[in-house]
Amino acid sequence: ENAEEEMDLDPIPFAYKLMTRSKKIDHAKLKQRDPEFVAAYDRWARSQRSEVRGQKSEVRGQKDRGQRSEVRSRKVDSRRSGSRNRKR
């Protein structure tokens, strides 16, 4: 079918996807049949999630630093201009 689209996957997720794509075999059934394979797949999936989380936190940290200082400076400016307007 469309297995060519999945050829760039690592061997473990590739095999998992091929075995579960018809929905006749789900994660639980596959775990009963081959717990070692599912354990390997779960380790792979966790490693991918932690990599993605690490990348997101790096990007978020870079954005947050710049955005926070910009937001803080806007707040300070608006407070200063607000206090000046009230005194006038």
C-alpha atoms as a PDB file:
ATOM      1  CA  GLU A   1       0.000   0.000   0.000  1.00  0.00           C
ATOM      2  CA  ASN A   2       1.688   3.207   1.200  1.00  0.00           C
ATOM      3  CA  ALA A   3       4.606   1.617   3.020  1.00  0.00           C
ATOM      4  CA  GLU A   4       7.035   3.620   0.885  1.00  0.00           C
ATOM      5  CA  GLU A   5       6.051   6.731   2.832  1.00  0.00           C
ATOM      6  CA  GLU A   6       7.257   5.059   6.027  1.00  0.00           C
ATOM      7  CA  MET A   7      10.635   3.894   4.700  1.00  0.00           C
ATOM      8  CA  ASP A   8      12.465   6.751   6.429  1.00  0.00           C
ATOM      9  CA  LEU A   9      11.402   5.519   9.878  1.00  0.00           C
ATOM     10  CA  ASP A  10      13.753   3.684  12.217  1.00  0.00           C
ATOM     11  CA  PRO A  11      13.303  -0.121  12.100  1.00  0.00           C
ATOM     12  CA  ILE A  12      11.363  -0.423  15.385  1.00  0.00           C
ATOM     13  CA  PRO A  13       8.682   2.226  14.644  1.00  0.00           C
ATOM     14  CA  PHE A  14       8.519   1.043  11.037  1.00  0.00           C
ATOM     15  CA  ALA A  15       7.713  -2.520  12.132  1.00  0.00           C
ATOM     16  CA  TYR A  16       5.278  -1.275  14.795  1.00  0.00           C
ATOM     17  CA  LYS A  17       3.420   0.867  12.294  1.00  0.00           C
ATOM     18  CA  LEU A  18       3.187  -1.977   9.771  1.00  0.00           C
ATOM     19  CA  MET A  19       1.844  -4.363  12.405  1.00  0.00           C
ATOM     20  CA  THR A  20      -0.731  -1.962  13.858  1.00  0.00           C
ATOM     21  CA  ARG A  21      -1.908  -0.104  10.752  1.00  0.00           C
ATOM     22  CA  SER A  22      -4.891  -2.388  10.063  1.00  0.00           C
ATOM     23  CA  LYS A  23      -6.200  -1.809  13.629  1.00  0.00           C
ATOM     24  CA  LYS A  24      -6.685  -5.575  14.033  1.00  0.00           C
ATOM     25  CA  ILE A  25      -3.624  -5.572  16.269  1.00  0.00           C
ATOM     26  CA  ASP A  26      -3.375  -2.723  18.722  1.00  0.00           C
ATOM     27  CA  HIS A  27      -0.706  -1.871  21.272  1.00  0.00           C
ATOM     28  CA  ALA A  28      -2.219  -4.100  23.977  1.00  0.00           C
ATOM     29  CA  LYS A  29      -2.569  -7.147  21.707  1.00  0.00           C
ATOM     30  CA  LEU A  30       0.925  -6.674  20.361  1.00  0.00           C
ATOM     31  CA  LYS A  31       2.224  -6.423  23.917  1.00  0.00           C
ATOM     32  CA  GLN A  32       0.620  -9.796  24.720  1.00  0.00           C
ATOM     33  CA  ARG A  33       2.159 -11.376  21.616  1.00  0.00           C
ATOM     34  CA  ASP A  34       5.639  -9.844  21.858  1.00  0.00           C
ATOM     35  CA  PRO A  35       6.340  -7.920  25.075  1.00  0.00           C
ATOM     36  CA  GLU A  36      10.036  -7.478  24.244  1.00  0.00           C
ATOM     37  CA  PHE A  37       9.241  -5.795  20.932  1.00  0.00           C
ATOM     38  CA  VAL A  38       6.680  -3.486  22.539  1.00  0.00           C
ATOM     39  CA  ALA A  39       9.171  -2.618  25.280  1.00  0.00           C
ATOM     40  CA  ALA A  40      11.700  -1.675  22.581  1.00  0.00           C
ATOM     41  CA  TYR A  41       9.068   0.412  20.789  1.00  0.00           C
ATOM     42  CA  ASP A  42       8.062   2.150  24.034  1.00  0.00           C
ATOM     43  CA  ARG A  43      11.718   2.988  24.760  1.00  0.00           C
ATOM     44  CA  TRP A  44      12.054   4.439  21.265  1.00  0.00           C
ATOM     45  CA  ALA A  45       8.828   6.455  21.646  1.00  0.00           C
ATOM     46  CA  ARG A  46       9.953   7.859  25.013  1.00  0.00           C
ATOM     47  CA  SER A  47      13.306   8.858  23.567  1.00  0.00           C
ATOM     48  CA  GLN A  48      11.564  10.697  20.744  1.00  0.00           C
ATOM     49  CA  ARG A  49       9.284  12.558  23.144  1.00  0.00           C
ATOM     50  CA  SER A  50      12.196  13.614  25.326  1.00  0.00           C
ATOM     51  CA  GLU A  51      14.111  14.860  22.274  1.00  0.00           C
ATOM     52  CA  VAL A  52      11.110  16.879  21.133  1.00  0.00           C
ATOM     53  CA  ARG A  53      10.585  18.269  24.642  1.00  0.00           C
ATOM     54  CA  GLY A  54      14.233  19.264  24.800  1.00  0.00           C
ATOM     55  CA  GLN A  55      14.027  21.043  21.465  1.00  0.00           C
ATOM     56  CA  LYS A  56      10.809  22.821  22.449  1.00  0.00           C
ATOM     57  CA  SER A  57      12.244  24.010  25.749  1.00  0.00           C
ATOM     58  CA  GLU A  58      15.345  25.335  23.973  1.00  0.00           C
ATOM     59  CA  VAL A  59      13.213  27.261  21.497  1.00  0.00           C
ATOM     60  CA  ARG A  60      10.781  28.352  24.203  1.00  0.00           C
ATOM     61  CA  GLY A  61      13.670  29.565  26.354  1.00  0.00           C
ATOM     62  CA  GLN A  62      15.073  31.631  23.515  1.00  0.00           C
ATOM     63  CA  LYS A  63      11.669  33.131  22.719  1.00  0.00           C
ATOM     64  CA  ASP A  64      10.746  33.709  26.352  1.00  0.00           C
ATOM     65  CA  ARG A  65      13.894  35.621  27.148  1.00  0.00           C
ATOM     66  CA  GLY A  66      13.382  38.060  24.315  1.00  0.00           C
ATOM     67  CA  GLN A  67       9.645  38.356  24.754  1.00  0.00           C
ATOM     68  CA  ARG A  68       9.772  38.832  28.496  1.00  0.00           C
ATOM     69  CA  SER A  69      12.207  41.694  28.343  1.00  0.00           C
ATOM     70  CA  GLU A  70      10.143  43.314  25.611  1.00  0.00           C
ATOM     71  CA  VAL A  71       6.936  42.858  27.597  1.00  0.00           C
ATOM     72  CA  ARG A  72       8.565  44.147  30.764  1.00  0.00           C
ATOM     73  CA  SER A  73       9.822  47.241  29.012  1.00  0.00           C
ATOM     74  CA  ARG A  74       6.345  47.892  27.601  1.00  0.00           C
ATOM     75  CA  LYS A  75       4.825  47.560  31.072  1.00  0.00           C
ATOM     76  CA  VAL A  76       7.371  49.925  32.546  1.00  0.00           C
ATOM     77  CA  ASP A  77       6.788  52.432  29.743  1.00  0.00           C
ATOM     78  CA  SER A  78       3.015  52.232  30.122  1.00  0.00           C
ATOM     79  CA  ARG A  79       3.273  52.685  33.899  1.00  0.00           C
ATOM     80  CA  ARG A  80       5.489  55.707  33.460  1.00  0.00           C
ATOM     81  CA  SER A  81       3.244  57.297  30.846  1.00  0.00           C
ATOM     82  CA  GLY A  82       0.152  56.468  32.912  1.00  0.00           C
ATOM     83  CA  SER A  83       1.541  58.104  36.004  1.00  0.00           C
ATOM     84  CA  ARG A  84       2.516  61.202  34.000  1.00  0.00           C
ATOM     85  CA  ASN A  85      -0.953  61.443  32.518  1.00  0.00           C
ATOM     86  CA  ARG A  86      -2.564  61.242  35.943  1.00  0.00           C
ATOM     87  CA  LYS A  87      -0.432  64.050  37.376  1.00  0.00           C
ATOM     88  CA  ARG A  88      -1.279  66.415  34.536  1.00  0.00           C
END
